[in-house]
N, C-alpha and C. Protein backbone atom coordinates (compact mmCIF):
# COMPACT_ATOMS: atom_id res chain seq x y z
N MET A 1 198.30 -57.04 81.97
CA MET A 1 199.39 -56.87 81.49
C MET A 1 200.21 -56.11 82.17
N PHE A 2 200.96 -55.37 82.47
CA PHE A 2 202.05 -54.93 82.89
C PHE A 2 201.74 -53.57 84.12
N ALA A 3 201.55 -53.57 85.24
CA ALA A 3 201.79 -53.45 86.24
C ALA A 3 202.50 -52.44 86.93
N PRO A 4 202.44 -50.89 86.86
CA PRO A 4 203.61 -50.42 87.42
C PRO A 4 204.62 -50.63 88.96
N CYS A 5 205.68 -50.46 88.90
CA CYS A 5 206.03 -51.02 90.11
C CYS A 5 206.63 -50.27 91.23
N PHE A 6 206.73 -50.19 91.97
CA PHE A 6 206.93 -49.51 92.73
C PHE A 6 207.98 -49.63 93.28
N ASN A 7 209.43 -49.20 93.98
CA ASN A 7 210.16 -49.61 94.77
C ASN A 7 210.47 -48.69 95.56
N SER A 8 209.97 -48.60 97.18
CA SER A 8 210.45 -47.42 98.06
C SER A 8 211.83 -47.21 97.71
N GLU A 9 213.04 -47.79 97.35
CA GLU A 9 214.31 -47.11 97.17
C GLU A 9 213.82 -46.01 96.63
N ASP A 10 213.06 -45.89 95.22
CA ASP A 10 213.07 -44.89 93.81
C ASP A 10 212.70 -43.70 94.54
N ALA A 11 211.85 -44.20 95.80
CA ALA A 11 210.87 -42.52 96.02
C ALA A 11 211.74 -42.50 97.38
N VAL A 12 213.02 -42.84 98.07
CA VAL A 12 213.53 -42.03 98.97
C VAL A 12 214.89 -41.64 98.14
N THR A 13 215.44 -41.87 97.01
CA THR A 13 216.57 -41.38 95.95
C THR A 13 215.72 -39.79 95.27
N SER A 14 213.90 -39.88 95.20
CA SER A 14 213.64 -39.30 94.64
C SER A 14 213.39 -37.77 95.59
N MET A 15 213.36 -38.49 96.88
CA MET A 15 213.37 -37.35 97.79
C MET A 15 214.15 -36.48 97.98
N ASN A 16 214.91 -37.07 97.93
CA ASN A 16 216.41 -36.49 98.13
C ASN A 16 217.23 -35.76 97.23
N LEU A 17 216.89 -36.04 96.37
CA LEU A 17 217.26 -34.91 94.36
C LEU A 17 216.44 -33.47 94.71
N LYS A 18 215.27 -33.34 95.59
CA LYS A 18 214.51 -32.66 95.53
C LYS A 18 215.38 -31.24 96.03
N PRO A 19 215.73 -31.29 97.40
CA PRO A 19 216.90 -30.24 97.69
C PRO A 19 217.85 -29.95 96.68
N SER A 20 218.40 -31.01 96.51
CA SER A 20 220.03 -30.53 95.53
C SER A 20 219.37 -30.04 94.25
N LEU A 21 217.97 -30.23 93.58
CA LEU A 21 217.64 -29.18 92.53
C LEU A 21 217.53 -27.86 92.92
N ALA A 22 217.18 -27.84 94.40
CA ALA A 22 216.63 -26.68 94.23
C ALA A 22 217.70 -25.73 94.68
N ARG A 23 218.89 -26.31 95.07
CA ARG A 23 220.24 -25.69 95.28
C ARG A 23 220.88 -25.30 94.02
N LEU A 24 220.84 -26.52 93.14
CA LEU A 24 221.75 -26.30 91.77
C LEU A 24 220.84 -25.32 90.84
N LYS A 25 219.64 -25.17 91.06
CA LYS A 25 218.18 -23.39 90.92
C LYS A 25 218.52 -22.44 91.31
N ARG A 26 219.26 -22.21 92.23
CA ARG A 26 219.55 -21.14 92.74
C ARG A 26 221.39 -20.80 92.41
N LYS A 27 221.78 -21.12 92.35
CA LYS A 27 223.07 -21.59 92.03
C LYS A 27 223.44 -20.74 90.36
N ILE A 28 222.39 -21.40 89.15
CA ILE A 28 222.80 -20.90 87.85
C ILE A 28 221.69 -19.90 88.06
N ALA A 29 220.78 -19.91 88.58
CA ALA A 29 220.56 -18.59 89.47
C ALA A 29 221.17 -16.80 89.09
N ALA A 30 222.01 -17.73 89.90
CA ALA A 30 223.17 -16.56 90.38
C ALA A 30 223.80 -15.66 89.47
N PHE A 31 224.33 -16.72 88.48
CA PHE A 31 224.81 -16.50 87.19
C PHE A 31 224.21 -16.02 86.42
N SER A 32 222.78 -15.73 86.28
CA SER A 32 222.04 -15.68 85.06
C SER A 32 221.55 -14.13 85.45
N ASP A 33 221.82 -13.52 85.69
CA ASP A 33 222.12 -11.47 86.04
C ASP A 33 222.60 -11.22 85.01
N THR A 34 221.78 -10.50 84.35
CA THR A 34 221.88 -10.36 82.68
C THR A 34 222.40 -8.53 82.65
N ARG A 35 222.87 -8.36 83.85
CA ARG A 35 222.94 -6.25 84.56
C ARG A 35 224.62 -6.50 83.70
N GLY A 36 224.32 -5.40 82.60
CA GLY A 36 226.12 -5.18 82.60
C GLY A 36 226.82 -6.77 80.81
N ALA A 37 225.03 -6.57 80.52
CA ALA A 37 225.75 -8.01 79.02
C ALA A 37 225.96 -6.75 78.19
N VAL A 38 225.15 -6.16 78.31
CA VAL A 38 225.13 -5.15 76.71
C VAL A 38 225.90 -3.99 76.67
N SER A 39 226.78 -3.98 78.22
CA SER A 39 227.94 -3.14 78.40
C SER A 39 229.73 -4.57 78.19
N VAL A 40 228.94 -5.18 77.93
CA VAL A 40 230.40 -6.23 77.72
C VAL A 40 230.16 -6.68 75.85
N GLU A 41 229.60 -6.46 75.45
CA GLU A 41 229.18 -7.46 74.19
C GLU A 41 229.28 -6.04 73.08
N PHE A 42 228.87 -4.47 73.71
CA PHE A 42 229.38 -3.31 73.54
C PHE A 42 231.24 -3.59 72.99
N VAL A 43 232.07 -3.70 74.16
CA VAL A 43 233.21 -3.59 74.44
C VAL A 43 233.54 -4.78 73.64
N LEU A 44 233.41 -5.82 73.11
CA LEU A 44 233.54 -6.44 72.69
C LEU A 44 233.93 -6.47 70.61
N TRP A 45 232.67 -5.86 70.61
CA TRP A 45 232.16 -5.48 69.18
C TRP A 45 232.81 -4.18 68.79
N VAL A 46 232.87 -3.07 69.42
CA VAL A 46 233.57 -1.59 69.08
C VAL A 46 234.87 -2.28 68.08
N PRO A 47 235.51 -2.66 68.67
CA PRO A 47 237.58 -3.10 67.72
C PRO A 47 237.10 -3.99 66.20
N VAL A 48 235.50 -4.96 66.16
CA VAL A 48 235.82 -4.92 65.43
C VAL A 48 235.15 -4.41 64.15
N PHE A 49 233.80 -2.85 64.61
CA PHE A 49 233.49 -2.09 63.75
C PHE A 49 234.56 -1.39 63.32
N VAL A 50 235.44 -0.64 64.65
CA VAL A 50 236.42 0.06 64.33
C VAL A 50 237.03 -0.61 62.93
N LEU A 51 237.81 -1.57 63.11
CA LEU A 51 238.47 -2.20 62.14
C LEU A 51 237.85 -2.14 60.66
N ILE A 52 236.69 -2.74 60.60
CA ILE A 52 235.85 -2.37 59.36
C ILE A 52 235.75 -1.06 58.62
N LEU A 53 235.74 0.22 59.82
CA LEU A 53 235.48 1.47 59.56
C LEU A 53 237.14 1.52 58.63
N ALA A 54 238.00 1.52 59.17
CA ALA A 54 239.40 1.47 59.23
C ALA A 54 239.48 1.38 57.52
N ILE A 55 239.64 -0.55 57.59
CA ILE A 55 239.25 -0.65 55.99
C ILE A 55 238.85 -0.08 54.96
N THR A 56 237.92 0.04 55.54
CA THR A 56 236.79 1.15 54.65
C THR A 56 237.32 2.17 53.97
N VAL A 57 237.65 2.76 55.08
CA VAL A 57 238.26 4.20 54.34
C VAL A 57 239.69 4.29 53.64
N ASP A 58 240.65 3.21 54.45
CA ASP A 58 241.59 2.90 53.15
C ASP A 58 241.58 2.35 51.92
N ALA A 59 240.40 1.58 51.92
CA ALA A 59 239.77 1.27 49.89
C ALA A 59 239.78 2.41 49.21
N THR A 60 239.00 2.96 50.34
CA THR A 60 238.34 3.89 49.83
C THR A 60 239.63 5.55 48.78
N ILE A 61 240.54 5.73 50.17
CA ILE A 61 241.07 6.61 49.70
C ILE A 61 242.40 6.21 48.89
N LEU A 62 242.13 4.80 48.89
CA LEU A 62 243.17 3.92 47.20
C LEU A 62 242.59 4.03 46.60
N PHE A 63 241.10 3.69 46.37
CA PHE A 63 240.35 3.57 44.63
C PHE A 63 240.48 5.39 43.88
N LYS A 64 240.32 6.19 45.18
CA LYS A 64 240.61 7.60 44.85
C LYS A 64 241.80 8.22 43.93
N THR A 65 242.66 7.77 45.25
CA THR A 65 243.86 8.15 44.51
C THR A 65 244.54 7.26 43.27
N GLN A 66 243.89 6.52 42.90
CA GLN A 66 244.43 6.19 41.90
C GLN A 66 243.29 6.17 40.45
N ALA A 67 242.22 7.33 40.83
CA ALA A 67 241.52 7.50 39.47
C ALA A 67 242.46 8.53 39.64
N ASN A 68 242.52 9.11 40.94
CA ASN A 68 243.34 10.67 40.31
C ASN A 68 244.89 10.84 40.03
N LEU A 69 245.47 9.41 40.09
CA LEU A 69 246.81 9.41 39.00
C LEU A 69 246.53 9.08 37.88
N TRP A 70 245.44 8.63 37.14
CA TRP A 70 244.87 8.48 36.16
C TRP A 70 244.24 8.79 35.26
N THR A 71 243.58 10.35 36.17
CA THR A 71 243.29 11.14 35.35
C THR A 71 245.25 12.18 34.75
N VAL A 72 245.76 12.42 36.13
CA VAL A 72 246.80 12.88 35.72
C VAL A 72 247.96 12.94 34.58
N ALA A 73 247.86 11.02 34.88
CA ALA A 73 248.62 10.31 33.23
C ALA A 73 247.99 11.34 31.99
N ARG A 74 246.74 10.80 32.21
CA ARG A 74 246.01 11.23 31.43
C ARG A 74 246.33 12.67 30.61
N ASP A 75 246.19 13.79 31.40
CA ASP A 75 246.15 14.74 31.23
C ASP A 75 248.49 15.41 30.37
N ALA A 76 249.22 14.68 31.13
CA ALA A 76 249.98 14.62 31.04
C ALA A 76 250.75 14.08 29.92
N GLY A 77 250.10 12.60 29.21
CA GLY A 77 249.97 12.13 27.94
C GLY A 77 249.18 13.16 26.84
N ARG A 78 248.25 13.73 26.95
CA ARG A 78 247.87 14.22 26.62
C ARG A 78 249.02 16.00 25.91
N GLN A 79 249.48 15.85 27.15
CA GLN A 79 250.29 16.96 26.51
C GLN A 79 251.54 17.15 26.00
N ARG A 80 251.88 15.60 26.05
CA ARG A 80 252.54 15.38 25.55
C ARG A 80 252.44 14.58 23.84
N SER A 81 251.28 14.03 23.70
CA SER A 81 250.90 13.71 22.19
C SER A 81 250.61 14.82 21.56
N THR A 82 250.45 15.48 21.98
CA THR A 82 249.94 16.99 20.39
C THR A 82 251.36 18.16 20.61
N GLY A 83 252.76 17.73 21.54
CA GLY A 83 253.72 17.82 21.20
C GLY A 83 253.90 19.01 22.22
N LEU A 84 252.92 19.75 22.67
CA LEU A 84 253.53 21.17 23.97
C LEU A 84 253.92 20.85 24.76
N TYR A 85 254.51 19.41 25.50
CA TYR A 85 255.28 19.15 26.21
C TYR A 85 256.55 18.16 25.77
N SER A 86 257.56 18.19 26.29
CA SER A 86 258.53 17.15 26.33
C SER A 86 258.21 15.99 27.08
N ASN A 87 259.21 14.86 26.89
CA ASN A 87 258.95 13.77 28.25
C ASN A 87 259.41 14.59 29.53
N SER A 88 260.55 15.28 29.68
CA SER A 88 261.05 15.42 30.93
C SER A 88 259.54 16.68 31.53
N GLN A 89 258.90 17.44 30.73
CA GLN A 89 257.80 18.41 31.20
C GLN A 89 256.79 17.85 31.54
N ALA A 90 256.41 16.57 30.70
CA ALA A 90 255.19 16.12 31.05
C ALA A 90 255.94 15.12 32.62
N GLU A 91 256.61 14.58 32.57
CA GLU A 91 256.91 13.89 34.13
C GLU A 91 257.89 15.04 35.20
N ASP A 92 257.24 15.94 34.89
CA ASP A 92 257.49 16.92 36.08
C ASP A 92 256.15 17.67 35.94
N TYR A 93 255.21 17.65 34.84
CA TYR A 93 254.17 17.83 35.37
C TYR A 93 253.19 17.33 36.59
N ALA A 94 253.85 15.92 35.60
CA ALA A 94 252.28 14.68 36.30
C ALA A 94 253.74 14.97 38.00
N ALA A 95 254.45 14.56 38.41
CA ALA A 95 254.99 14.35 39.55
C ALA A 95 254.34 15.94 40.48
N GLY A 96 254.36 17.44 39.59
CA GLY A 96 254.21 18.51 40.12
C GLY A 96 252.61 18.16 41.46
N GLN A 97 251.50 17.52 40.01
CA GLN A 97 250.34 17.28 40.57
C GLN A 97 250.24 16.55 42.01
N PHE A 98 250.73 15.36 41.81
CA PHE A 98 250.98 14.44 43.08
C PHE A 98 252.02 14.72 44.02
N ALA A 99 252.61 15.23 44.16
CA ALA A 99 253.70 16.49 44.85
C ALA A 99 252.35 17.41 45.86
N SER A 100 251.70 17.71 45.00
CA SER A 100 250.99 19.16 45.65
C SER A 100 249.36 17.97 46.91
N TRP A 101 249.49 16.61 46.54
CA TRP A 101 248.42 15.87 47.42
C TRP A 101 249.45 15.93 48.56
N GLY A 102 250.77 16.08 48.27
CA GLY A 102 251.73 15.55 49.73
C GLY A 102 251.88 14.12 49.49
N ILE A 103 252.55 13.14 48.35
CA ILE A 103 252.99 11.97 48.48
C ILE A 103 253.79 12.32 47.36
N THR A 104 254.98 11.44 47.27
CA THR A 104 255.72 11.18 46.39
C THR A 104 255.51 9.68 45.18
N GLY A 105 256.05 9.80 44.18
CA GLY A 105 255.90 8.93 43.59
C GLY A 105 257.47 8.88 42.36
N THR A 106 256.77 8.64 41.22
CA THR A 106 257.38 7.98 40.04
C THR A 106 256.75 8.71 38.81
N ALA A 107 257.16 9.21 38.48
CA ALA A 107 256.10 9.90 36.56
C ALA A 107 257.62 9.26 35.44
N THR A 108 257.09 8.40 34.32
CA THR A 108 257.81 7.87 33.33
C THR A 108 256.87 8.27 32.59
N ALA A 109 257.57 9.16 31.55
CA ALA A 109 256.91 9.38 29.94
C ALA A 109 257.73 8.69 28.84
N SER A 110 257.40 8.17 27.73
CA SER A 110 258.05 7.40 27.56
C SER A 110 257.21 7.88 25.47
N GLN A 111 258.23 7.76 24.48
CA GLN A 111 256.96 7.67 23.47
C GLN A 111 257.90 6.18 21.77
N THR A 112 256.95 6.16 21.38
CA THR A 112 257.69 5.13 20.38
C THR A 112 257.13 6.16 18.96
N ASN A 113 257.17 5.55 17.39
CA ASN A 113 256.55 6.17 16.87
C ASN A 113 255.78 7.06 17.05
N ASP A 114 254.51 6.26 17.52
CA ASP A 114 253.12 7.08 17.29
C ASP A 114 252.15 7.11 18.17
N THR A 115 253.33 6.67 19.49
CA THR A 115 252.33 6.35 20.76
C THR A 115 253.07 7.17 21.85
N VAL A 116 251.83 7.61 22.82
CA VAL A 116 253.35 8.42 23.86
C VAL A 116 252.58 7.55 25.24
N THR A 117 253.39 6.92 26.33
CA THR A 117 252.89 6.69 27.00
C THR A 117 253.40 7.40 28.64
N MET A 118 252.48 7.40 29.15
CA MET A 118 252.41 7.87 30.56
C MET A 118 252.42 6.67 31.86
N GLN A 119 253.81 6.74 32.36
CA GLN A 119 253.34 5.68 33.59
C GLN A 119 253.34 6.68 34.93
N ILE A 120 252.78 6.85 36.20
CA ILE A 120 252.67 7.22 36.90
C ILE A 120 252.75 6.28 38.63
N SER A 121 253.48 5.84 39.79
CA SER A 121 253.50 5.06 40.17
C SER A 121 253.72 5.71 42.22
N VAL A 122 252.83 5.34 42.89
CA VAL A 122 252.86 5.74 43.56
C VAL A 122 252.93 4.85 45.40
N PRO A 123 253.68 4.65 46.02
CA PRO A 123 253.67 3.50 47.00
C PRO A 123 252.06 3.94 48.04
N VAL A 124 251.25 2.99 48.14
CA VAL A 124 250.35 2.55 48.61
C VAL A 124 250.68 2.63 50.54
N ALA A 125 251.94 2.43 51.04
CA ALA A 125 252.20 3.78 52.30
C ALA A 125 252.35 4.66 52.31
N ALA A 126 252.16 5.40 50.97
CA ALA A 126 252.03 6.93 51.04
C ALA A 126 251.11 7.53 51.25
N VAL A 127 249.90 6.75 50.67
CA VAL A 127 249.03 7.42 50.67
C VAL A 127 247.59 6.41 52.05
N THR A 128 247.74 5.45 52.36
CA THR A 128 246.18 4.87 53.21
C THR A 128 247.14 5.80 54.81
N PRO A 129 246.05 6.46 54.99
CA PRO A 129 245.89 6.63 56.71
C PRO A 129 246.35 5.51 57.04
N PHE A 130 245.29 4.69 57.84
CA PHE A 130 245.64 3.55 58.54
C PHE A 130 246.81 2.46 58.72
N ARG A 131 247.61 2.58 56.97
CA ARG A 131 248.01 1.62 56.90
C ARG A 131 247.51 0.19 56.71
N ILE A 132 246.05 -0.18 56.91
CA ILE A 132 245.61 -1.74 57.14
C ILE A 132 246.14 -2.26 55.60
N VAL A 133 245.83 -1.65 54.84
CA VAL A 133 246.10 -2.30 53.23
C VAL A 133 247.75 -3.06 53.11
N ASN A 134 248.64 -2.04 53.85
CA ASN A 134 250.25 -2.65 53.77
C ASN A 134 250.58 -3.85 54.43
N ALA A 135 249.20 -4.43 54.99
CA ALA A 135 249.28 -5.82 56.11
C ALA A 135 249.44 -6.87 54.49
N PHE A 136 248.71 -6.49 53.45
CA PHE A 136 248.53 -7.20 52.44
C PHE A 136 249.03 -7.06 51.37
N THR A 137 250.04 -5.76 51.27
CA THR A 137 250.53 -5.40 49.89
C THR A 137 251.51 -4.17 50.42
N ASP A 138 252.75 -4.08 49.78
CA ASP A 138 253.33 -3.91 49.96
C ASP A 138 254.19 -3.31 48.44
N GLY A 139 253.94 -2.99 47.74
CA GLY A 139 253.18 -2.06 46.60
C GLY A 139 252.55 -1.15 45.83
N ASN A 140 252.57 -0.86 44.22
CA ASN A 140 252.54 0.44 44.31
C ASN A 140 251.74 0.81 43.75
N ILE A 141 250.53 2.01 43.36
CA ILE A 141 249.89 2.40 42.83
C ILE A 141 249.97 2.64 41.36
N ILE A 142 249.83 2.15 40.58
CA ILE A 142 249.78 2.50 38.88
C ILE A 142 248.85 3.19 38.13
N ALA A 143 249.43 4.21 37.37
CA ALA A 143 248.07 4.42 36.51
C ALA A 143 249.00 4.89 35.27
N VAL A 144 248.29 4.06 33.91
CA VAL A 144 249.19 4.03 32.74
C VAL A 144 248.09 4.41 32.09
N VAL A 145 248.31 5.09 30.81
CA VAL A 145 248.16 5.56 29.78
C VAL A 145 248.68 6.00 28.35
N THR A 146 248.34 5.24 27.31
CA THR A 146 248.77 5.59 25.83
C THR A 146 247.95 5.72 25.17
N GLN A 147 248.35 7.11 25.03
CA GLN A 147 247.58 7.77 23.73
C GLN A 147 248.55 7.76 22.05
N ARG A 148 247.54 8.36 21.23
CA ARG A 148 248.54 8.18 20.17
C ARG A 148 248.98 9.15 19.92
N LYS A 149 250.16 9.53 19.39
CA LYS A 149 250.70 11.07 18.59
C LYS A 149 249.65 11.80 17.76
N GLU A 150 249.32 12.95 17.98
CA GLU A 150 248.38 14.09 17.48
C GLU A 150 249.55 14.51 16.30
N PRO A 151 248.73 14.60 14.78
CA PRO A 151 250.07 14.69 13.55
C PRO A 151 250.00 16.29 14.52
N GLN A 152 251.32 16.83 13.58
CA GLN A 152 251.50 18.41 14.08
C GLN A 152 251.45 18.92 12.72
């Protein structure tokens, strides 16, 4: 069958590689020092986590503001639908409510024969503390409530 063949040149070559491999292993071992690796990973990941936290805070404040604006629009619309407020009084009431939060916006009350509509609009930039959401939108947070007029 097949007999293993032995070439003397192969033996010489493999003996010469052993010192080269040993040097290569020493060089690789010099770069495999793991001291400080955790610090480097921490420094690389902290900005990512801070960005995620800032986006979460901005989004939470936007949703909370929208809910508050809807509540104010509902209250002002209710006062208008019962006849307690005129359109201008309902607008002033709504503007006073969100002005007390330190933000500016617009409030508009309108009326048809049997419905009252209250719309409140606030710029997103006036609400978000980190202004990260402003990179995605420069619009407004809008709350619109329509109610039927109550009989007098």
